[in-house]
Amino acid sequence: MTQDQAVQIVQAKRRKLQIDPEMAFESARKAVVEYKKNPDTPGPTEDRIAWIVTFSWEWGYVNVHVDERTGDILAVRRSS
């Protein structure tokens, strides 16, 4: 998967992911991220290669982890 494809996946799911329309695309980079099927319960984690697609605005940012092989959304991390 290319960077552009990862960004397109996030853009297409932007409303579902609750990314504010005012937030602008900032960057995308490939990295190894920890993935846990159910992050709210104890259990094992695994490393995945993902595109980290970042949107930002004055009040904070959103990082969306997109699995590099499948295009699945692995995590959405927000800051304020």
C-alpha atoms as a PDB file:
ATOM      1  CA  MET A   1       0.000   0.000   0.000  1.00  0.00           C
ATOM      2  CA  THR A   2       1.250   3.456  -0.822  1.00  0.00           C
ATOM      3  CA  GLN A   3       1.082   6.560   1.323  1.00  0.00           C
ATOM      4  CA  ASP A   4      -1.585   8.030  -0.968  1.00  0.00           C
ATOM      5  CA  GLN A   5      -3.737   4.906  -0.640  1.00  0.00           C
ATOM      6  CA  ALA A   6      -3.526   5.049   3.168  1.00  0.00           C
ATOM      7  CA  VAL A   7      -4.546   8.713   3.168  1.00  0.00           C
ATOM      8  CA  GLN A   8      -7.447   7.959   0.808  1.00  0.00           C
ATOM      9  CA  ILE A   9      -8.697   5.205   3.134  1.00  0.00           C
ATOM     10  CA  VAL A  10      -8.738   7.611   6.069  1.00  0.00           C
ATOM     11  CA  GLN A  11     -10.328  10.398   4.021  1.00  0.00           C
ATOM     12  CA  ALA A  12     -13.111   8.031   2.908  1.00  0.00           C
ATOM     13  CA  LYS A  13     -13.791   7.021   6.538  1.00  0.00           C
ATOM     14  CA  ARG A  14     -13.265  10.481   7.990  1.00  0.00           C
ATOM     15  CA  ARG A  15     -16.860  10.990   9.177  1.00  0.00           C
ATOM     16  CA  LYS A  16     -17.075   7.467  10.660  1.00  0.00           C
ATOM     17  CA  LEU A  17     -13.763   8.058  12.481  1.00  0.00           C
ATOM     18  CA  GLN A  18     -15.139  11.355  13.843  1.00  0.00           C
ATOM     19  CA  ILE A  19     -12.331  13.486  12.441  1.00  0.00           C
ATOM     20  CA  ASP A  20     -13.405  17.124  12.608  1.00  0.00           C
ATOM     21  CA  PRO A  21     -13.920  18.597   9.111  1.00  0.00           C
ATOM     22  CA  GLU A  22     -11.731  21.570  10.064  1.00  0.00           C
ATOM     23  CA  MET A  23      -8.740  19.332  10.687  1.00  0.00           C
ATOM     24  CA  ALA A  24      -6.248  19.360   7.832  1.00  0.00           C
ATOM     25  CA  PHE A  25      -4.086  16.511   6.593  1.00  0.00           C
ATOM     26  CA  GLU A  26      -0.623  17.042   8.035  1.00  0.00           C
ATOM     27  CA  SER A  27       1.469  13.967   7.264  1.00  0.00           C
ATOM     28  CA  ALA A  28       1.700  10.226   6.764  1.00  0.00           C
ATOM     29  CA  ARG A  29       4.587   8.000   7.722  1.00  0.00           C
ATOM     30  CA  LYS A  30       5.165   4.286   7.922  1.00  0.00           C
ATOM     31  CA  ALA A  31       6.104   2.813  11.293  1.00  0.00           C
ATOM     32  CA  VAL A  32       5.887  -0.294  13.444  1.00  0.00           C
ATOM     33  CA  VAL A  33       2.975   0.077  15.873  1.00  0.00           C
ATOM     34  CA  GLU A  34       1.663  -2.074  18.692  1.00  0.00           C
ATOM     35  CA  TYR A  35      -1.726  -3.596  17.915  1.00  0.00           C
ATOM     36  CA  LYS A  36      -4.108  -5.166  20.369  1.00  0.00           C
ATOM     37  CA  LYS A  37      -7.371  -6.637  19.105  1.00  0.00           C
ATOM     38  CA  ASN A  38      -9.291  -5.349  22.125  1.00  0.00           C
ATOM     39  CA  PRO A  39      -7.342  -2.450  23.657  1.00  0.00           C
ATOM     40  CA  ASP A  40      -9.678  -2.170  26.667  1.00  0.00           C
ATOM     41  CA  THR A  41      -8.830  -5.594  28.096  1.00  0.00           C
ATOM     42  CA  PRO A  42      -5.581  -7.277  29.147  1.00  0.00           C
ATOM     43  CA  GLY A  43      -3.968  -9.486  26.568  1.00  0.00           C
ATOM     44  CA  PRO A  44      -1.147  -9.891  24.108  1.00  0.00           C
ATOM     45  CA  THR A  45      -0.068  -7.257  21.632  1.00  0.00           C
ATOM     46  CA  GLU A  46       1.593  -7.704  18.274  1.00  0.00           C
ATOM     47  CA  ASP A  47       3.719  -5.485  16.109  1.00  0.00           C
ATOM     48  CA  ARG A  48       2.213  -4.326  12.817  1.00  0.00           C
ATOM     49  CA  ILE A  49       3.580  -2.167  10.029  1.00  0.00           C
ATOM     50  CA  ALA A  50       1.171   0.722   9.568  1.00  0.00           C
ATOM     51  CA  TRP A  51       0.802   4.093   7.980  1.00  0.00           C
ATOM     52  CA  ILE A  52       0.277   6.748  10.647  1.00  0.00           C
ATOM     53  CA  VAL A  53      -1.931   9.355   9.004  1.00  0.00           C
ATOM     54  CA  THR A  54      -2.069  12.632  10.941  1.00  0.00           C
ATOM     55  CA  PHE A  55      -4.667  15.399  10.814  1.00  0.00           C
ATOM     56  CA  SER A  56      -4.286  18.539  12.907  1.00  0.00           C
ATOM     57  CA  TRP A  57      -5.810  21.842  13.826  1.00  0.00           C
ATOM     58  CA  GLU A  58      -5.118  24.524  16.419  1.00  0.00           C
ATOM     59  CA  TRP A  59      -6.570  22.499  19.289  1.00  0.00           C
ATOM     60  CA  GLY A  60      -4.877  19.158  18.645  1.00  0.00           C
ATOM     61  CA  TYR A  61      -4.329  16.264  16.302  1.00  0.00           C
ATOM     62  CA  VAL A  62      -5.592  12.810  15.321  1.00  0.00           C
ATOM     63  CA  ASN A  63      -3.314   9.920  14.344  1.00  0.00           C
ATOM     64  CA  VAL A  64      -4.946   7.071  12.449  1.00  0.00           C
ATOM     65  CA  HIS A  65      -3.004   3.795  12.165  1.00  0.00           C
ATOM     66  CA  VAL A  66      -3.731   2.034   8.850  1.00  0.00           C
ATOM     67  CA  ASP A  67      -2.447  -1.532   8.422  1.00  0.00           C
ATOM     68  CA  GLU A  68       0.080  -1.483   5.573  1.00  0.00           C
ATOM     69  CA  ARG A  69      -1.034  -4.847   4.135  1.00  0.00           C
ATOM     70  CA  THR A  70      -4.805  -4.876   4.623  1.00  0.00           C
ATOM     71  CA  GLY A  71      -5.813  -1.213   4.846  1.00  0.00           C
ATOM     72  CA  ASP A  72      -7.671  -1.905   8.104  1.00  0.00           C
ATOM     73  CA  ILE A  73      -7.871   0.859  10.703  1.00  0.00           C
ATOM     74  CA  LEU A  74      -5.870  -0.416  13.680  1.00  0.00           C
ATOM     75  CA  ALA A  75      -6.211   2.575  16.012  1.00  0.00           C
ATOM     76  CA  VAL A  76      -7.294   6.183  16.272  1.00  0.00           C
ATOM     77  CA  ARG A  77      -5.329   8.314  18.739  1.00  0.00           C
ATOM     78  CA  ARG A  78      -6.442  11.834  19.650  1.00  0.00           C
ATOM     79  CA  SER A  79      -4.861  14.705  21.511  1.00  0.00           C
ATOM     80  CA  SER A  80      -6.132  18.091  22.541  1.00  0.00           C
END
